Amino acid sequence: MKIVGAVAVLLEARGRVPQRTVIVVRDAACVAAARRYWDVARRGSTTCAARRRGAAA
């Protein structure tokens, strides 16, 4: 998933190997949901540097 600005989301769909399919979604509700997902994922993550320093995983 890639958020493009605040206007679109690129979603990778499973296709036949080795082909890939990318879907561009511009629906405002989908873009907002992707942003919320991204924000939650970032809050629950740590950086590699923090892990090296012994921060909680």
N, C-alpha and C. Protein backbone atom coordinates (compact mmCIF):
# COMPACT_ATOMS: atom_id res chain seq x y z
N MET A 1 0.84 -1.17 0.00
CA MET A 1 0.00 0.00 0.00
C MET A 1 0.89 1.23 0.00
N LYS A 2 0.55 2.17 -0.83
CA LYS A 2 1.24 3.45 -0.86
C LYS A 2 0.18 4.55 -0.89
N ILE A 3 0.34 5.51 -0.02
CA ILE A 3 -0.57 6.65 0.00
C ILE A 3 0.09 7.75 -0.83
N VAL A 4 -0.62 8.24 -1.82
CA VAL A 4 -0.09 9.26 -2.72
C VAL A 4 -0.75 10.59 -2.35
N GLY A 5 0.05 11.43 -1.69
CA GLY A 5 -0.53 12.68 -1.21
C GLY A 5 -1.69 12.38 -0.30
N ALA A 6 -2.74 13.09 -0.45
CA ALA A 6 -3.96 12.79 0.32
C ALA A 6 -5.09 12.50 -0.65
N VAL A 7 -4.72 12.06 -1.87
CA VAL A 7 -5.74 11.92 -2.90
C VAL A 7 -5.91 10.51 -3.46
N ALA A 8 -4.93 9.63 -3.23
CA ALA A 8 -5.01 8.30 -3.83
C ALA A 8 -4.24 7.29 -2.99
N VAL A 9 -4.61 6.03 -3.17
CA VAL A 9 -3.91 4.92 -2.54
C VAL A 9 -3.59 3.91 -3.64
N LEU A 10 -2.34 3.44 -3.65
CA LEU A 10 -1.95 2.38 -4.57
C LEU A 10 -1.99 1.08 -3.81
N LEU A 11 -2.75 0.13 -4.32
CA LEU A 11 -2.88 -1.17 -3.68
C LEU A 11 -2.37 -2.24 -4.64
N GLU A 12 -1.53 -3.12 -4.14
CA GLU A 12 -1.04 -4.22 -4.97
C GLU A 12 -2.00 -5.40 -4.83
N ALA A 13 -2.44 -5.88 -5.96
CA ALA A 13 -3.35 -7.03 -5.96
C ALA A 13 -2.59 -8.25 -6.44
N ARG A 14 -2.97 -9.37 -5.94
CA ARG A 14 -2.32 -10.61 -6.36
C ARG A 14 -2.78 -10.95 -7.78
N GLY A 15 -1.79 -11.19 -8.60
CA GLY A 15 -2.07 -11.59 -9.97
C GLY A 15 -1.35 -12.89 -10.23
N ARG A 16 -1.28 -13.26 -11.46
CA ARG A 16 -0.54 -14.46 -11.81
C ARG A 16 0.95 -14.19 -11.68
N VAL A 17 1.64 -15.12 -11.09
CA VAL A 17 3.09 -14.96 -10.91
C VAL A 17 3.72 -15.02 -12.28
N PRO A 18 4.66 -14.22 -12.67
CA PRO A 18 5.30 -13.14 -11.91
C PRO A 18 4.63 -11.78 -12.12
N GLN A 19 3.47 -11.74 -12.73
CA GLN A 19 2.81 -10.45 -12.96
C GLN A 19 2.27 -9.86 -11.67
N ARG A 20 2.27 -8.56 -11.62
CA ARG A 20 1.66 -7.84 -10.49
C ARG A 20 0.62 -6.89 -11.03
N THR A 21 -0.36 -6.63 -10.23
CA THR A 21 -1.41 -5.68 -10.59
C THR A 21 -1.46 -4.61 -9.52
N VAL A 22 -1.49 -3.36 -9.94
CA VAL A 22 -1.60 -2.25 -9.00
C VAL A 22 -2.92 -1.54 -9.28
N ILE A 23 -3.66 -1.31 -8.21
CA ILE A 23 -4.95 -0.64 -8.30
C ILE A 23 -4.78 0.76 -7.72
N VAL A 24 -5.23 1.77 -8.44
CA VAL A 24 -5.22 3.14 -7.95
C VAL A 24 -6.63 3.46 -7.48
N VAL A 25 -6.76 3.79 -6.19
CA VAL A 25 -8.07 4.10 -5.61
C VAL A 25 -8.06 5.57 -5.19
N ARG A 26 -9.06 6.30 -5.65
CA ARG A 26 -9.15 7.73 -5.32
C ARG A 26 -10.37 8.06 -4.46
N ASP A 27 -11.11 7.06 -4.05
CA ASP A 27 -12.29 7.27 -3.22
C ASP A 27 -11.86 7.87 -1.88
N ALA A 28 -12.48 8.95 -1.48
CA ALA A 28 -12.09 9.67 -0.27
C ALA A 28 -12.18 8.79 0.98
N ALA A 29 -13.20 7.95 1.08
CA ALA A 29 -13.34 7.08 2.25
C ALA A 29 -12.21 6.05 2.30
N CYS A 30 -11.81 5.53 1.16
CA CYS A 30 -10.71 4.55 1.11
C CYS A 30 -9.39 5.21 1.47
N VAL A 31 -9.15 6.41 0.94
CA VAL A 31 -7.91 7.13 1.26
C VAL A 31 -7.86 7.43 2.76
N ALA A 32 -8.97 7.85 3.34
CA ALA A 32 -9.01 8.14 4.78
C ALA A 32 -8.76 6.87 5.60
N ALA A 33 -9.35 5.75 5.19
CA ALA A 33 -9.14 4.49 5.90
C ALA A 33 -7.68 4.05 5.81
N ALA A 34 -7.08 4.22 4.65
CA ALA A 34 -5.66 3.87 4.49
C ALA A 34 -4.79 4.73 5.39
N ARG A 35 -5.12 5.99 5.50
CA ARG A 35 -4.34 6.89 6.36
C ARG A 35 -4.48 6.49 7.83
N ARG A 36 -5.69 6.14 8.25
CA ARG A 36 -5.89 5.70 9.63
C ARG A 36 -5.09 4.42 9.90
N TYR A 37 -5.14 3.48 8.97
CA TYR A 37 -4.38 2.24 9.10
C TYR A 37 -2.89 2.55 9.23
N TRP A 38 -2.38 3.40 8.37
CA TRP A 38 -0.96 3.77 8.40
C TRP A 38 -0.58 4.40 9.74
N ASP A 39 -1.39 5.31 10.23
CA ASP A 39 -1.11 5.98 11.51
C ASP A 39 -1.06 4.99 12.66
N VAL A 40 -1.99 4.04 12.70
CA VAL A 40 -2.01 3.01 13.75
C VAL A 40 -0.77 2.12 13.64
N ALA A 41 -0.43 1.73 12.43
CA ALA A 41 0.75 0.87 12.22
C ALA A 41 2.02 1.59 12.68
N ARG A 42 2.13 2.86 12.40
CA ARG A 42 3.32 3.61 12.82
C ARG A 42 3.40 3.75 14.34
N ARG A 43 2.26 3.94 14.99
CA ARG A 43 2.27 4.07 16.45
C ARG A 43 2.73 2.78 17.12
N GLY A 44 2.50 1.65 16.47
CA GLY A 44 2.87 0.37 17.05
C GLY A 44 4.23 -0.13 16.60
N SER A 45 5.01 0.71 15.95
CA SER A 45 6.30 0.27 15.42
C SER A 45 7.46 0.98 16.11
N THR A 46 8.64 0.43 15.93
CA THR A 46 9.86 1.08 16.41
C THR A 46 10.85 1.14 15.26
N THR A 47 11.79 2.04 15.35
CA THR A 47 12.81 2.14 14.31
C THR A 47 13.91 1.12 14.56
N CYS A 48 14.67 0.84 13.53
CA CYS A 48 15.81 -0.08 13.69
C CYS A 48 16.81 0.49 14.69
N ALA A 49 17.03 1.80 14.63
CA ALA A 49 17.97 2.45 15.55
C ALA A 49 17.50 2.26 17.00
N ALA A 50 16.19 2.40 17.25
CA ALA A 50 15.66 2.24 18.60
C ALA A 50 15.85 0.80 19.07
N ARG A 51 15.66 -0.14 18.18
CA ARG A 51 15.85 -1.55 18.54
C ARG A 51 17.31 -1.82 18.91
N ARG A 52 18.24 -1.22 18.18
CA ARG A 52 19.66 -1.41 18.49
C ARG A 52 20.00 -0.84 19.86
N ARG A 53 19.31 0.24 20.22
CA ARG A 53 19.55 0.85 21.54
C ARG A 53 18.86 0.10 22.66
N GLY A 54 18.03 -0.88 22.31
CA GLY A 54 17.36 -1.70 23.33
C GLY A 54 15.97 -1.22 23.67
N ALA A 55 15.36 -0.44 22.81
CA ALA A 55 14.00 0.01 23.07
C ALA A 55 13.04 -1.18 22.98
N ALA A 56 11.89 -1.04 23.59
CA ALA A 56 10.88 -2.12 23.58
C ALA A 56 10.45 -2.41 22.15
N ALA A 57 10.25 -3.68 21.88
CA ALA A 57 9.84 -4.10 20.54
C ALA A 57 8.37 -3.87 20.33
